[in-house]
Amino acid sequence: MENKNNKLVQYLSGISNRSFFTESSISQGIKIAAEVEKIWILYDIDQNGNLDYEELFQYFNDVIALHL
């Protein structure tokens, strides 16, 4: 678990070097809206309009796994 936490900290520390901070606000808004839509499509499994704990937990695990 400690190793995963270290990798997460390294990832978050490197975020400032990414193009997200140099993009226009319109471009950022589009990317954020797309990510939110993706979350609802992929993780609201029971399609009740709410992200339950298990669904949110799965999203966070998937996001962290991509960056380890």
C-alpha atoms as a PDB file:
ATOM      1  CA  MET A   1       0.000   0.000   0.000  1.00  0.00           C
ATOM      2  CA  GLU A   2       2.861   2.388   0.801  1.00  0.00           C
ATOM      3  CA  ASN A   3       4.275   1.908  -2.704  1.00  0.00           C
ATOM      4  CA  LYS A   4       0.900   2.797  -4.281  1.00  0.00           C
ATOM      5  CA  ASN A   5       0.686   5.919  -2.131  1.00  0.00           C
ATOM      6  CA  ASN A   6       4.183   6.995  -3.190  1.00  0.00           C
ATOM      7  CA  LYS A   7       3.324   6.528  -6.857  1.00  0.00           C
ATOM      8  CA  LEU A   8       0.112   8.515  -6.428  1.00  0.00           C
ATOM      9  CA  VAL A   9       2.044  11.366  -4.806  1.00  0.00           C
ATOM     10  CA  GLN A  10       4.581  11.288  -7.651  1.00  0.00           C
ATOM     11  CA  TYR A  11       1.777  11.417 -10.208  1.00  0.00           C
ATOM     12  CA  LEU A  12       0.009  14.297  -8.512  1.00  0.00           C
ATOM     13  CA  SER A  13       3.299  16.171  -8.144  1.00  0.00           C
ATOM     14  CA  GLY A  14       3.930  15.880 -11.871  1.00  0.00           C
ATOM     15  CA  ILE A  15       0.501  17.139 -12.837  1.00  0.00           C
ATOM     16  CA  SER A  16       1.687  20.754 -12.953  1.00  0.00           C
ATOM     17  CA  ASN A  17       3.954  19.867 -15.867  1.00  0.00           C
ATOM     18  CA  ARG A  18       1.030  18.688 -17.964  1.00  0.00           C
ATOM     19  CA  SER A  19      -0.608  20.714 -20.679  1.00  0.00           C
ATOM     20  CA  PHE A  20      -3.850  20.991 -18.671  1.00  0.00           C
ATOM     21  CA  PHE A  21      -2.490  24.116 -17.001  1.00  0.00           C
ATOM     22  CA  THR A  22      -1.643  25.777 -20.307  1.00  0.00           C
ATOM     23  CA  GLU A  23      -4.906  24.974 -22.080  1.00  0.00           C
ATOM     24  CA  SER A  24      -7.705  27.460 -22.547  1.00  0.00           C
ATOM     25  CA  SER A  25     -10.591  27.387 -20.113  1.00  0.00           C
ATOM     26  CA  ILE A  26     -12.874  26.165 -22.910  1.00  0.00           C
ATOM     27  CA  SER A  27     -10.590  23.227 -23.634  1.00  0.00           C
ATOM     28  CA  GLN A  28     -10.363  22.413 -19.922  1.00  0.00           C
ATOM     29  CA  GLY A  29     -14.141  22.565 -19.607  1.00  0.00           C
ATOM     30  CA  ILE A  30     -14.606  20.179 -22.517  1.00  0.00           C
ATOM     31  CA  LYS A  31     -12.153  17.675 -21.030  1.00  0.00           C
ATOM     32  CA  ILE A  32     -13.770  17.886 -17.604  1.00  0.00           C
ATOM     33  CA  ALA A  33     -17.261  17.452 -19.066  1.00  0.00           C
ATOM     34  CA  ALA A  34     -16.077  14.425 -21.050  1.00  0.00           C
ATOM     35  CA  GLU A  35     -14.524  12.850 -17.943  1.00  0.00           C
ATOM     36  CA  VAL A  36     -17.708  13.420 -15.933  1.00  0.00           C
ATOM     37  CA  GLU A  37     -19.819  11.876 -18.698  1.00  0.00           C
ATOM     38  CA  LYS A  38     -17.445   8.913 -18.863  1.00  0.00           C
ATOM     39  CA  ILE A  39     -17.761   8.416 -15.101  1.00  0.00           C
ATOM     40  CA  TRP A  40     -21.563   8.275 -15.308  1.00  0.00           C
ATOM     41  CA  ILE A  41     -21.546   5.887 -18.263  1.00  0.00           C
ATOM     42  CA  LEU A  42     -18.943   3.498 -16.889  1.00  0.00           C
ATOM     43  CA  TYR A  43     -19.461   3.630 -13.144  1.00  0.00           C
ATOM     44  CA  ASP A  44     -23.152   4.301 -12.447  1.00  0.00           C
ATOM     45  CA  ILE A  45     -23.773   0.603 -12.961  1.00  0.00           C
ATOM     46  CA  ASP A  46     -27.306   0.554 -11.548  1.00  0.00           C
ATOM     47  CA  GLN A  47     -28.128   3.775 -13.458  1.00  0.00           C
ATOM     48  CA  ASN A  48     -29.872   5.342 -10.474  1.00  0.00           C
ATOM     49  CA  GLY A  49     -28.321   8.768 -11.049  1.00  0.00           C
ATOM     50  CA  ASN A  50     -26.084   8.460  -7.987  1.00  0.00           C
ATOM     51  CA  LEU A  51     -22.610   7.102  -7.563  1.00  0.00           C
ATOM     52  CA  ASP A  52     -22.743   4.644  -4.714  1.00  0.00           C
ATOM     53  CA  TYR A  53     -19.701   4.065  -2.538  1.00  0.00           C
ATOM     54  CA  GLU A  54     -18.757   0.901  -4.435  1.00  0.00           C
ATOM     55  CA  GLU A  55     -19.087   2.624  -7.804  1.00  0.00           C
ATOM     56  CA  LEU A  56     -17.004   5.597  -6.721  1.00  0.00           C
ATOM     57  CA  PHE A  57     -14.450   3.298  -5.114  1.00  0.00           C
ATOM     58  CA  GLN A  58     -14.112   1.397  -8.403  1.00  0.00           C
ATOM     59  CA  TYR A  59     -13.589   4.658 -10.316  1.00  0.00           C
ATOM     60  CA  PHE A  60     -10.819   5.774  -7.977  1.00  0.00           C
ATOM     61  CA  ASN A  61      -9.149   2.359  -8.139  1.00  0.00           C
ATOM     62  CA  ASP A  62      -9.236   2.417 -11.937  1.00  0.00           C
ATOM     63  CA  VAL A  63      -7.810   5.959 -12.110  1.00  0.00           C
ATOM     64  CA  ILE A  64      -5.025   5.140  -9.667  1.00  0.00           C
ATOM     65  CA  ALA A  65      -4.209   1.889 -11.501  1.00  0.00           C
ATOM     66  CA  LEU A  66      -3.727   3.830 -14.757  1.00  0.00           C
ATOM     67  CA  HIS A  67      -1.025   5.955 -13.204  1.00  0.00           C
ATOM     68  CA  LEU A  68       0.946   3.345 -11.273  1.00  0.00           C
END
